[in-house]
Protein backbone atom coordinates (compact mmCIF):
# COMPACT_ATOMS: atom_id res chain seq x y z
CA MET A 1 -0.01 0.00 0.02
CA ILE A 2 1.17 3.56 -0.72
CA THR A 3 0.04 7.06 0.13
CA VAL A 4 0.27 9.97 -2.26
CA ALA A 5 0.27 13.41 -0.64
CA ASN A 6 0.00 16.48 -2.80
CA ARG A 7 0.80 19.56 -0.68
CA ILE A 8 -0.91 22.58 -2.21
CA PHE A 9 -0.32 26.10 -0.89
CA VAL A 10 -3.56 28.09 -1.28
CA ALA A 11 -4.02 31.79 -0.52
CA SER A 12 -6.63 32.15 2.26
CA GLU A 13 -8.99 34.23 0.09
CA TYR A 14 -9.28 31.26 -2.33
CA ALA A 15 -9.68 28.52 0.27
CA GLU A 16 -13.49 28.15 -0.21
CA GLN A 17 -13.20 28.00 -3.98
CA PHE A 18 -10.38 25.44 -3.67
CA GLU A 19 -12.44 23.22 -1.37
CA GLU A 20 -15.51 23.53 -3.58
CA ALA A 21 -13.46 22.37 -6.56
CA PHE A 22 -12.79 19.11 -4.70
CA ARG A 23 -16.41 18.75 -3.68
CA GLN A 24 -17.29 18.97 -7.36
CA ARG A 25 -14.41 16.80 -8.61
CA ALA A 26 -14.94 14.43 -11.49
CA GLY A 27 -14.43 11.39 -9.26
CA LEU A 28 -12.84 9.33 -12.01
CA VAL A 29 -10.14 8.05 -9.67
CA ASP A 30 -12.75 6.36 -7.50
CA GLY A 31 -13.25 3.53 -10.01
CA MET A 32 -9.58 2.85 -10.65
CA PRO A 33 -8.21 -0.57 -9.69
CA GLY A 34 -6.28 -0.33 -6.44
CA PHE A 35 -7.70 3.05 -5.37
CA LEU A 36 -8.65 3.03 -1.71
CA SER A 37 -9.50 6.57 -0.62
CA ASN A 38 -9.10 10.30 -1.18
CA GLN A 39 -8.98 12.90 1.56
CA VAL A 40 -8.72 16.72 1.33
CA LEU A 41 -7.02 17.96 4.50
CA ARG A 42 -7.53 21.64 5.38
CA PRO A 43 -4.62 23.31 7.22
CA VAL A 44 -5.36 24.80 10.65
CA ASN A 45 -2.26 27.06 10.73
CA PRO A 46 -1.87 30.02 8.35
CA GLY A 47 0.64 29.40 5.60
CA ASP A 48 0.46 25.59 5.82
CA PRO A 49 -0.65 23.71 2.72
CA TYR A 50 -3.76 21.74 2.01
CA ILE A 51 -2.90 18.08 1.65
CA ILE A 52 -4.68 15.96 -0.93
CA LEU A 53 -4.09 12.44 0.32
CA THR A 54 -4.81 9.32 -1.65
CA LEU A 55 -4.29 5.71 -0.61
CA TRP A 56 -3.54 3.01 -3.14
CA SER A 57 -3.25 -0.78 -2.83
CA SER A 58 0.13 -0.61 -4.63
CA ARG A 59 2.49 1.72 -6.40
CA LYS A 60 1.71 -0.15 -9.60
CA ASP A 61 -1.96 0.81 -9.27
CA PHE A 62 -1.07 4.49 -8.74
CA GLU A 63 1.27 4.51 -11.70
CA ALA A 64 -1.49 3.00 -13.89
CA TRP A 65 -3.79 5.85 -12.78
CA ILE A 66 -1.34 8.59 -13.74
CA ARG A 67 -0.89 7.01 -17.20
CA SER A 68 -4.61 6.66 -17.81
CA ASP A 69 -6.98 8.73 -19.93
CA ALA A 70 -9.16 9.07 -16.78
CA PHE A 71 -6.27 10.91 -15.08
CA ILE A 72 -6.08 13.43 -17.93
CA GLN A 73 -9.87 13.91 -17.85
CA GLY A 74 -9.96 14.13 -14.05
CA HIS A 75 -7.31 16.85 -13.97
CA ALA A 76 -8.63 18.88 -16.91
CA ARG A 77 -10.49 21.20 -14.52
CA SER A 78 -7.59 21.59 -12.09
CA GLY A 79 -6.61 24.96 -13.57
CA THR A 80 -9.90 26.71 -12.79
CA LEU A 81 -8.42 28.96 -10.09
CA PRO A 82 -6.17 31.85 -11.07
CA LYS A 83 -2.45 31.50 -10.50
CA GLU A 84 -2.56 34.01 -7.62
CA ALA A 85 -4.68 31.47 -5.70
CA TYR A 86 -1.49 29.52 -5.08
CA THR A 87 1.23 30.94 -2.86
CA ALA A 88 3.93 28.37 -3.66
CA PRO A 89 4.50 25.41 -5.97
CA ASN A 90 2.74 22.21 -4.92
CA LYS A 91 4.81 19.25 -3.71
CA LEU A 92 3.97 15.66 -4.48
CA GLU A 93 5.15 13.04 -1.96
CA ILE A 94 4.80 9.28 -2.18
CA HIS A 95 5.27 7.02 0.83
CA GLU A 96 5.30 3.28 1.05
CA VAL A 97 3.19 2.02 3.95
CA VAL A 98 5.32 -0.06 6.19
CA GLN A 99 2.76 -0.49 9.02
CA ASP A 100 -0.93 0.40 9.48
CA SER A 101 -2.53 -0.17 12.92
CA SER A 102 -5.97 -0.68 11.30
CA ARG A 103 -4.58 -3.44 9.09
CA PRO A 104 -2.36 -5.75 11.19
CA ASP A 105 -2.19 -8.27 8.36
CA LEU A 106 -0.85 -5.67 5.88
CA ILE A 107 2.12 -6.77 3.87
CA ALA A 108 4.50 -3.79 3.58
CA GLU A 109 4.96 -2.27 0.14
CA ALA A 110 8.24 -3.37 -1.37
CA HIS A 111 10.93 -0.68 -1.23
CA GLY A 112 10.77 0.95 -4.64
CA LYS A 113 12.80 3.32 -6.78
CA PRO A 114 12.47 7.09 -6.50
CA PHE A 115 9.32 8.33 -8.22
CA GLN A 116 9.40 10.73 -11.13
CA MET A 117 6.19 11.98 -12.75
CA HIS A 118 7.69 11.89 -16.26
């Protein structure tokens, strides 16, 4: 299992629009093999980023998603906010789940190579 965290720095005056965009998301990822969940985490401290967290059964499943036509369609609306809505570049982080207290029988994701989007 892996987690994918996209840290997105949003100007406070655009926070509601940003959250609404996720409420209205296309939802194409939901039907992808290996997709487990999507969470939009709102920061409580000023200047901290939103975190868009997805959980996947495997890295292979996530990589199939980012190569899919559904990924392109699902992200087609991601540029709806103006560039001043973002205060810094986003940062994508991928983590291999080694242990999960809610899944004691989880087999840890194999240690993989560094991830590069392209």
